[in-house]
PDB file of all heavy atoms in Angstrom:
ATOM      1  N   GLY A   1    -173.365 -38.580  44.338  1.00  0.00           N
ATOM      2  CA  GLY A   1    -174.653 -37.927  44.663  1.00  0.00           C
ATOM      3  C   GLY A   1    -175.264 -38.509  45.996  1.00  0.00           C
ATOM      4  O   GLY A   1    -175.931 -37.673  46.667  1.00  0.00           O
ATOM      5  N   ALA A   2    -174.948 -39.742  46.207  1.00  0.00           N
ATOM      6  CA  ALA A   2    -175.550 -40.256  47.573  1.00  0.00           C
ATOM      7  C   ALA A   2    -174.726 -39.600  48.759  1.00  0.00           C
ATOM      8  O   ALA A   2    -175.377 -39.349  49.750  1.00  0.00           O
ATOM      9  CB  ALA A   2    -175.326 -41.799  47.623  1.00  0.00           C
ATOM     10  N   ALA A   3    -173.469 -39.376  48.442  1.00  0.00           N
ATOM     11  CA  ALA A   3    -172.703 -38.821  49.516  1.00  0.00           C
ATOM     12  C   ALA A   3    -173.221 -37.378  49.851  1.00  0.00           C
ATOM     13  O   ALA A   3    -173.303 -36.903  50.954  1.00  0.00           O
ATOM     14  CB  ALA A   3    -171.239 -38.782  49.118  1.00  0.00           C
ATOM     15  N   ALA A   4    -173.585 -36.650  48.742  1.00  0.00           N
ATOM     16  CA  ALA A   4    -173.997 -35.294  48.809  1.00  0.00           C
ATOM     17  C   ALA A   4    -175.355 -35.277  49.686  1.00  0.00           C
ATOM     18  O   ALA A   4    -175.553 -34.502  50.553  1.00  0.00           O
ATOM     19  CB  ALA A   4    -174.292 -34.637  47.591  1.00  0.00           C
ATOM     20  N   VAL A   5    -176.277 -36.158  49.333  1.00  0.00           N
ATOM     21  CA  VAL A   5    -177.665 -36.299  50.016  1.00  0.00           C
ATOM     22  C   VAL A   5    -177.446 -36.612  51.524  1.00  0.00           C
ATOM     23  O   VAL A   5    -178.070 -35.978  52.360  1.00  0.00           O
ATOM     24  CB  VAL A   5    -178.501 -37.367  49.321  1.00  0.00           C
ATOM     25  CG1 VAL A   5    -179.786 -37.611  50.224  1.00  0.00           C
ATOM     26  CG2 VAL A   5    -178.847 -36.988  48.040  1.00  0.00           C
ATOM     27  N   ILE A   6    -176.526 -37.640  51.776  1.00  0.00           N
ATOM     28  CA  ILE A   6    -176.324 -37.973  53.139  1.00  0.00           C
ATOM     29  C   ILE A   6    -175.682 -36.723  53.944  1.00  0.00           C
ATOM     30  O   ILE A   6    -176.080 -36.534  55.154  1.00  0.00           O
ATOM     31  CB  ILE A   6    -175.248 -39.111  53.201  1.00  0.00           C
ATOM     32  CG1 ILE A   6    -176.084 -40.374  52.707  1.00  0.00           C
ATOM     33  CG2 ILE A   6    -174.677 -39.302  54.589  1.00  0.00           C
ATOM     34  CD1 ILE A   6    -175.187 -41.614  52.684  1.00  0.00           C
ATOM     35  N   ALA A   7    -174.796 -36.086  53.282  1.00  0.00           N
ATOM     36  CA  ALA A   7    -174.083 -34.826  54.062  1.00  0.00           C
ATOM     37  C   ALA A   7    -175.096 -33.801  54.227  1.00  0.00           C
ATOM     38  O   ALA A   7    -175.232 -33.259  55.418  1.00  0.00           O
ATOM     39  CB  ALA A   7    -173.071 -34.311  53.123  1.00  0.00           C
ATOM     40  N   ILE A   8    -176.088 -33.443  53.331  1.00  0.00           N
ATOM     41  CA  ILE A   8    -176.946 -32.488  53.575  1.00  0.00           C
ATOM     42  C   ILE A   8    -177.933 -32.858  54.594  1.00  0.00           C
ATOM     43  O   ILE A   8    -178.361 -32.142  55.423  1.00  0.00           O
ATOM     44  CB  ILE A   8    -177.809 -32.225  52.147  1.00  0.00           C
ATOM     45  CG1 ILE A   8    -176.815 -31.475  51.255  1.00  0.00           C
ATOM     46  CG2 ILE A   8    -178.919 -31.431  52.502  1.00  0.00           C
ATOM     47  CD1 ILE A   8    -177.442 -31.373  49.773  1.00  0.00           C
ATOM     48  N   ALA A   9    -178.419 -34.172  54.583  1.00  0.00           N
ATOM     49  CA  ALA A   9    -179.414 -34.656  55.570  1.00  0.00           C
ATOM     50  C   ALA A   9    -178.758 -34.595  56.965  1.00  0.00           C
ATOM     51  O   ALA A   9    -179.331 -34.284  58.041  1.00  0.00           O
ATOM     52  CB  ALA A   9    -179.788 -36.119  55.188  1.00  0.00           C
ATOM     53  N   ALA A  10    -177.415 -34.953  57.036  1.00  0.00           N
ATOM     54  CA  ALA A  10    -176.739 -34.859  58.368  1.00  0.00           C
ATOM     55  C   ALA A  10    -176.707 -33.463  58.890  1.00  0.00           C
ATOM     56  O   ALA A  10    -176.860 -33.241  60.157  1.00  0.00           O
ATOM     57  CB  ALA A  10    -175.295 -35.500  58.242  1.00  0.00           C
ATOM     58  N   VAL A  11    -176.354 -32.460  58.102  1.00  0.00           N
ATOM     59  CA  VAL A  11    -176.343 -31.189  58.470  1.00  0.00           C
ATOM     60  C   VAL A  11    -177.681 -30.706  58.865  1.00  0.00           C
ATOM     61  O   VAL A  11    -177.758 -30.057  60.008  1.00  0.00           O
ATOM     62  CB  VAL A  11    -175.800 -30.152  57.481  1.00  0.00           C
ATOM     63  CG1 VAL A  11    -175.829 -28.744  57.840  1.00  0.00           C
ATOM     64  CG2 VAL A  11    -174.304 -30.558  56.991  1.00  0.00           C
ATOM     65  N   LEU A  12    -178.712 -31.023  58.161  1.00  0.00           N
ATOM     66  CA  LEU A  12    -180.030 -30.453  58.627  1.00  0.00           C
ATOM     67  C   LEU A  12    -180.494 -31.153  59.880  1.00  0.00           C
ATOM     68  O   LEU A  12    -181.126 -30.563  60.786  1.00  0.00           O
ATOM     69  CB  LEU A  12    -181.047 -30.848  57.475  1.00  0.00           C
ATOM     70  CG  LEU A  12    -180.912 -30.060  56.197  1.00  0.00           C
ATOM     71  CD1 LEU A  12    -181.919 -30.556  55.191  1.00  0.00           C
ATOM     72  CD2 LEU A  12    -181.250 -28.640  56.491  1.00  0.00           C
ATOM     73  N   GLU A  13    -180.172 -32.491  60.073  1.00  0.00           N
ATOM     74  CA  GLU A  13    -180.545 -33.076  61.340  1.00  0.00           C
ATOM     75  C   GLU A  13    -179.815 -32.500  62.579  1.00  0.00           C
ATOM     76  O   GLU A  13    -180.378 -32.236  63.606  1.00  0.00           O
ATOM     77  CB  GLU A  13    -180.284 -34.633  61.275  1.00  0.00           C
ATOM     78  CG  GLU A  13    -181.306 -35.311  60.422  1.00  0.00           C
ATOM     79  CD  GLU A  13    -181.324 -36.842  60.603  1.00  0.00           C
ATOM     80  OE1 GLU A  13    -180.419 -37.431  61.225  1.00  0.00           O
ATOM     81  OE2 GLU A  13    -182.264 -37.510  60.246  1.00  0.00           O
ATOM     82  N   GLU A  14    -178.406 -32.274  62.298  1.00  0.00           N
ATOM     83  CA  GLU A  14    -177.763 -31.688  63.480  1.00  0.00           C
ATOM     84  C   GLU A  14    -178.154 -30.209  63.757  1.00  0.00           C
ATOM     85  O   GLU A  14    -178.140 -29.915  64.955  1.00  0.00           O
ATOM     86  CB  GLU A  14    -176.301 -31.718  63.131  1.00  0.00           C
ATOM     87  CG  GLU A  14    -175.619 -33.144  62.980  1.00  0.00           C
ATOM     88  CD  GLU A  14    -176.079 -33.972  64.329  1.00  0.00           C
ATOM     89  OE1 GLU A  14    -175.987 -33.454  65.465  1.00  0.00           O
ATOM     90  OE2 GLU A  14    -176.404 -35.124  64.029  1.00  0.00           O
ATOM     91  N   LEU A  15    -178.581 -29.554  62.728  1.00  0.00           N
ATOM     92  CA  LEU A  15    -179.044 -28.215  62.983  1.00  0.00           C
ATOM     93  C   LEU A  15    -180.341 -28.275  63.738  1.00  0.00           C
ATOM     94  O   LEU A  15    -180.542 -27.356  64.698  1.00  0.00           O
ATOM     95  CB  LEU A  15    -179.360 -27.545  61.558  1.00  0.00           C
ATOM     96  CG  LEU A  15    -179.652 -26.004  61.510  1.00  0.00           C
ATOM     97  CD1 LEU A  15    -178.319 -25.272  61.962  1.00  0.00           C
ATOM     98  CD2 LEU A  15    -180.043 -25.591  60.168  1.00  0.00           C
ATOM     99  N   VAL A  16    -181.290 -29.053  63.460  1.00  0.00           N
ATOM    100  CA  VAL A  16    -182.556 -29.113  64.270  1.00  0.00           C
ATOM    101  C   VAL A  16    -182.329 -29.858  65.625  1.00  0.00           C
ATOM    102  O   VAL A  16    -182.771 -29.304  66.600  1.00  0.00           O
ATOM    103  CB  VAL A  16    -183.544 -30.001  63.338  1.00  0.00           C
ATOM    104  CG1 VAL A  16    -184.777 -30.312  64.192  1.00  0.00           C
ATOM    105  CG2 VAL A  16    -183.918 -29.367  62.085  1.00  0.00           C
ATOM    106  N   TYR A  17    -181.631 -30.897  65.658  1.00  0.00           N
ATOM    107  CA  TYR A  17    -181.635 -31.678  66.938  1.00  0.00           C
ATOM    108  C   TYR A  17    -180.510 -31.205  67.882  1.00  0.00           C
ATOM    109  O   TYR A  17    -180.875 -31.233  69.091  1.00  0.00           O
ATOM    110  CB  TYR A  17    -181.487 -33.226  66.723  1.00  0.00           C
ATOM    111  CG  TYR A  17    -182.664 -33.831  66.053  1.00  0.00           C
ATOM    112  CD1 TYR A  17    -182.717 -34.128  64.602  1.00  0.00           C
ATOM    113  CD2 TYR A  17    -183.866 -34.067  66.701  1.00  0.00           C
ATOM    114  CE1 TYR A  17    -183.775 -34.752  64.085  1.00  0.00           C
ATOM    115  CE2 TYR A  17    -185.008 -34.646  66.135  1.00  0.00           C
ATOM    116  CZ  TYR A  17    -184.921 -34.941  64.811  1.00  0.00           C
ATOM    117  OH  TYR A  17    -186.009 -35.524  64.270  1.00  0.00           O
ATOM    118  N   ARG A  18    -179.453 -30.882  67.445  1.00  0.00           N
ATOM    119  CA  ARG A  18    -178.440 -30.393  68.247  1.00  0.00           C
ATOM    120  C   ARG A  18    -178.325 -28.854  68.482  1.00  0.00           C
ATOM    121  O   ARG A  18    -178.323 -28.350  69.581  1.00  0.00           O
ATOM    122  CB  ARG A  18    -177.052 -30.961  67.865  1.00  0.00           C
ATOM    123  CG  ARG A  18    -176.594 -32.137  68.718  1.00  0.00           C
ATOM    124  CD  ARG A  18    -177.699 -33.308  68.664  1.00  0.00           C
ATOM    125  NE  ARG A  18    -177.738 -34.082  67.466  1.00  0.00           N
ATOM    126  CZ  ARG A  18    -178.459 -35.175  67.138  1.00  0.00           C
ATOM    127  NH1 ARG A  18    -179.318 -35.683  68.000  1.00  0.00           N
ATOM    128  NH2 ARG A  18    -178.411 -35.815  66.069  1.00  0.00           N
ATOM    129  N   CYS A  19    -178.255 -28.152  67.423  1.00  0.00           N
ATOM    130  CA  CYS A  19    -178.078 -26.680  67.395  1.00  0.00           C
ATOM    131  C   CYS A  19    -179.372 -26.050  67.962  1.00  0.00           C
ATOM    132  O   CYS A  19    -179.280 -24.963  68.665  1.00  0.00           O
ATOM    133  CB  CYS A  19    -177.635 -26.138  66.156  1.00  0.00           C
ATOM    134  SG  CYS A  19    -176.042 -26.415  65.610  1.00  0.00           S
ATOM    135  N   LEU A  20    -180.519 -26.579  67.718  1.00  0.00           N
ATOM    136  CA  LEU A  20    -181.835 -25.923  68.117  1.00  0.00           C
ATOM    137  C   LEU A  20    -182.284 -26.688  69.334  1.00  0.00           C
ATOM    138  O   LEU A  20    -182.378 -26.095  70.407  1.00  0.00           O
ATOM    139  CB  LEU A  20    -182.840 -26.020  67.043  1.00  0.00           C
ATOM    140  CG  LEU A  20    -182.702 -24.745  66.043  1.00  0.00           C
ATOM    141  CD1 LEU A  20    -183.678 -24.938  64.877  1.00  0.00           C
ATOM    142  CD2 LEU A  20    -182.896 -23.379  66.727  1.00  0.00           C
ATOM    143  N   LEU A  21    -182.779 -27.907  69.168  1.00  0.00           N
ATOM    144  CA  LEU A  21    -183.571 -28.617  70.289  1.00  0.00           C
ATOM    145  C   LEU A  21    -182.638 -28.686  71.466  1.00  0.00           C
ATOM    146  O   LEU A  21    -182.970 -28.342  72.532  1.00  0.00           O
ATOM    147  CB  LEU A  21    -184.034 -30.009  69.708  1.00  0.00           C
ATOM    148  CG  LEU A  21    -184.664 -30.827  70.795  1.00  0.00           C
ATOM    149  CD1 LEU A  21    -185.940 -30.049  71.278  1.00  0.00           C
ATOM    150  CD2 LEU A  21    -185.019 -32.236  70.283  1.00  0.00           C
ATOM    151  N   PHE A  22    -181.433 -29.350  71.369  1.00  0.00           N
ATOM    152  CA  PHE A  22    -180.516 -29.521  72.430  1.00  0.00           C
ATOM    153  C   PHE A  22    -180.248 -28.273  73.060  1.00  0.00           C
ATOM    154  O   PHE A  22    -180.322 -28.063  74.312  1.00  0.00           O
ATOM    155  CB  PHE A  22    -179.347 -30.340  71.920  1.00  0.00           C
ATOM    156  CG  PHE A  22    -178.237 -30.389  73.044  1.00  0.00           C
ATOM    157  CD1 PHE A  22    -178.484 -31.233  74.126  1.00  0.00           C
ATOM    158  CD2 PHE A  22    -177.138 -29.565  73.013  1.00  0.00           C
ATOM    159  CE1 PHE A  22    -177.471 -31.378  75.167  1.00  0.00           C
ATOM    160  CE2 PHE A  22    -176.168 -29.762  74.009  1.00  0.00           C
ATOM    161  CZ  PHE A  22    -176.403 -30.419  74.977  1.00  0.00           C
ATOM    162  N   ARG A  23    -179.770 -27.253  72.334  1.00  0.00           N
ATOM    163  CA  ARG A  23    -179.350 -26.008  72.898  1.00  0.00           C
ATOM    164  C   ARG A  23    -180.338 -25.217  73.780  1.00  0.00           C
ATOM    165  O   ARG A  23    -180.075 -24.771  74.888  1.00  0.00           O
ATOM    166  CB  ARG A  23    -178.847 -25.000  71.866  1.00  0.00           C
ATOM    167  CG  ARG A  23    -177.272 -25.207  71.489  1.00  0.00           C
ATOM    168  CD  ARG A  23    -176.776 -23.961  70.843  1.00  0.00           C
ATOM    169  NE  ARG A  23    -177.604 -23.272  70.022  1.00  0.00           N
ATOM    170  CZ  ARG A  23    -178.273 -22.117  70.300  1.00  0.00           C
ATOM    171  NH1 ARG A  23    -178.132 -21.628  71.589  1.00  0.00           N
ATOM    172  NH2 ARG A  23    -179.099 -21.555  69.572  1.00  0.00           N
ATOM    173  N   LEU A  24    -181.553 -25.285  73.141  1.00  0.00           N
ATOM    174  CA  LEU A  24    -182.738 -24.590  73.861  1.00  0.00           C
ATOM    175  C   LEU A  24    -183.041 -25.416  75.106  1.00  0.00           C
ATOM    176  O   LEU A  24    -183.326 -24.801  76.163  1.00  0.00           O
ATOM    177  CB  LEU A  24    -183.862 -24.659  72.939  1.00  0.00           C
ATOM    178  CG  LEU A  24    -183.752 -23.560  71.717  1.00  0.00           C
ATOM    179  CD1 LEU A  24    -184.967 -23.511  70.817  1.00  0.00           C
ATOM    180  CD2 LEU A  24    -183.381 -22.146  72.099  1.00  0.00           C
ATOM    181  N   LEU A  25    -183.109 -26.697  75.016  1.00  0.00           N
ATOM    182  CA  LEU A  25    -183.300 -27.530  76.223  1.00  0.00           C
ATOM    183  C   LEU A  25    -182.233 -27.278  77.292  1.00  0.00           C
ATOM    184  O   LEU A  25    -182.477 -27.252  78.567  1.00  0.00           O
ATOM    185  CB  LEU A  25    -183.464 -28.955  75.855  1.00  0.00           C
ATOM    186  CG  LEU A  25    -184.774 -29.388  75.217  1.00  0.00           C
ATOM    187  CD1 LEU A  25    -184.597 -30.784  74.699  1.00  0.00           C
ATOM    188  CD2 LEU A  25    -186.030 -29.242  76.102  1.00  0.00           C
ATOM    189  N   GLU A  26    -180.980 -27.248  76.676  1.00  0.00           N
ATOM    190  CA  GLU A  26    -179.887 -27.109  77.686  1.00  0.00           C
ATOM    191  C   GLU A  26    -179.926 -25.732  78.413  1.00  0.00           C
ATOM    192  O   GLU A  26    -179.627 -25.820  79.676  1.00  0.00           O
ATOM    193  CB  GLU A  26    -178.543 -27.163  76.889  1.00  0.00           C
ATOM    194  CG  GLU A  26    -177.345 -27.069  77.690  1.00  0.00           C
ATOM    195  CD  GLU A  26    -176.039 -27.098  76.883  1.00  0.00           C
ATOM    196  OE1 GLU A  26    -175.964 -26.382  75.809  1.00  0.00           O
ATOM    197  OE2 GLU A  26    -175.111 -27.834  77.308  1.00  0.00           O
ATOM    198  N   ARG A  27    -180.234 -24.664  77.744  1.00  0.00           N
ATOM    199  CA  ARG A  27    -180.343 -23.379  78.358  1.00  0.00           C
ATOM    200  C   ARG A  27    -181.429 -23.389  79.399  1.00  0.00           C
ATOM    201  O   ARG A  27    -181.302 -22.597  80.475  1.00  0.00           O
ATOM    202  CB  ARG A  27    -180.702 -22.329  77.303  1.00  0.00           C
ATOM    203  CG  ARG A  27    -180.544 -20.800  77.724  1.00  0.00           C
ATOM    204  CD  ARG A  27    -180.604 -19.974  76.641  1.00  0.00           C
ATOM    205  NE  ARG A  27    -181.810 -19.980  75.830  1.00  0.00           N
ATOM    206  CZ  ARG A  27    -181.996 -19.300  74.608  1.00  0.00           C
ATOM    207  NH1 ARG A  27    -180.966 -18.614  74.113  1.00  0.00           N
ATOM    208  NH2 ARG A  27    -183.115 -19.468  73.909  1.00  0.00           N
ATOM    209  N   ALA A  28    -182.575 -24.066  79.050  1.00  0.00           N
ATOM    210  CA  ALA A  28    -183.622 -24.127  80.062  1.00  0.00           C
ATOM    211  C   ALA A  28    -183.458 -25.086  81.194  1.00  0.00           C
ATOM    212  O   ALA A  28    -183.823 -24.780  82.310  1.00  0.00           O
ATOM    213  CB  ALA A  28    -184.952 -24.389  79.295  1.00  0.00           C
ATOM    214  N   SER A  29    -182.905 -26.187  80.915  1.00  0.00           N
ATOM    215  CA  SER A  29    -183.011 -27.312  81.982  1.00  0.00           C
ATOM    216  C   SER A  29    -181.498 -28.038  82.351  1.00  0.00           C
ATOM    217  O   SER A  29    -181.399 -28.811  83.207  1.00  0.00           O
ATOM    218  CB  SER A  29    -183.861 -28.396  81.543  1.00  0.00           C
ATOM    219  OG  SER A  29    -185.190 -28.003  81.256  1.00  0.00           O
ATOM    220  N   GLY A  30    -180.480 -27.410  81.619  1.00  0.00           N
ATOM    221  CA  GLY A  30    -179.252 -27.878  81.858  1.00  0.00           C
ATOM    222  C   GLY A  30    -178.870 -28.972  80.900  1.00  0.00           C
ATOM    223  O   GLY A  30    -179.661 -29.524  80.184  1.00  0.00           O
ATOM    224  N   THR A  31    -177.503 -29.299  80.852  1.00  0.00           N
ATOM    225  CA  THR A  31    -176.948 -30.190  79.794  1.00  0.00           C
ATOM    226  C   THR A  31    -177.522 -31.622  80.076  1.00  0.00           C
ATOM    227  O   THR A  31    -177.833 -32.252  79.080  1.00  0.00           O
ATOM    228  CB  THR A  31    -175.465 -30.202  79.852  1.00  0.00           C
ATOM    229  OG1 THR A  31    -174.977 -28.924  79.579  1.00  0.00           O
ATOM    230  CG2 THR A  31    -174.844 -31.258  78.792  1.00  0.00           C
ATOM    231  N   GLY A  32    -177.587 -32.125  81.301  1.00  0.00           N
ATOM    232  CA  GLY A  32    -177.950 -33.471  81.460  1.00  0.00           C
ATOM    233  C   GLY A  32    -179.303 -33.810  81.004  1.00  0.00           C
ATOM    234  O   GLY A  32    -179.575 -34.798  80.317  1.00  0.00           O
TER     235      GLY A  32
END
């Protein structure tokens, strides 16, 4: 159960911080 919670939390964090926040910033200001 703990592994499932950790996996779900990891996916949600990566979705928000990398797929959304990072990508949108990257498109506007570049990767660096």
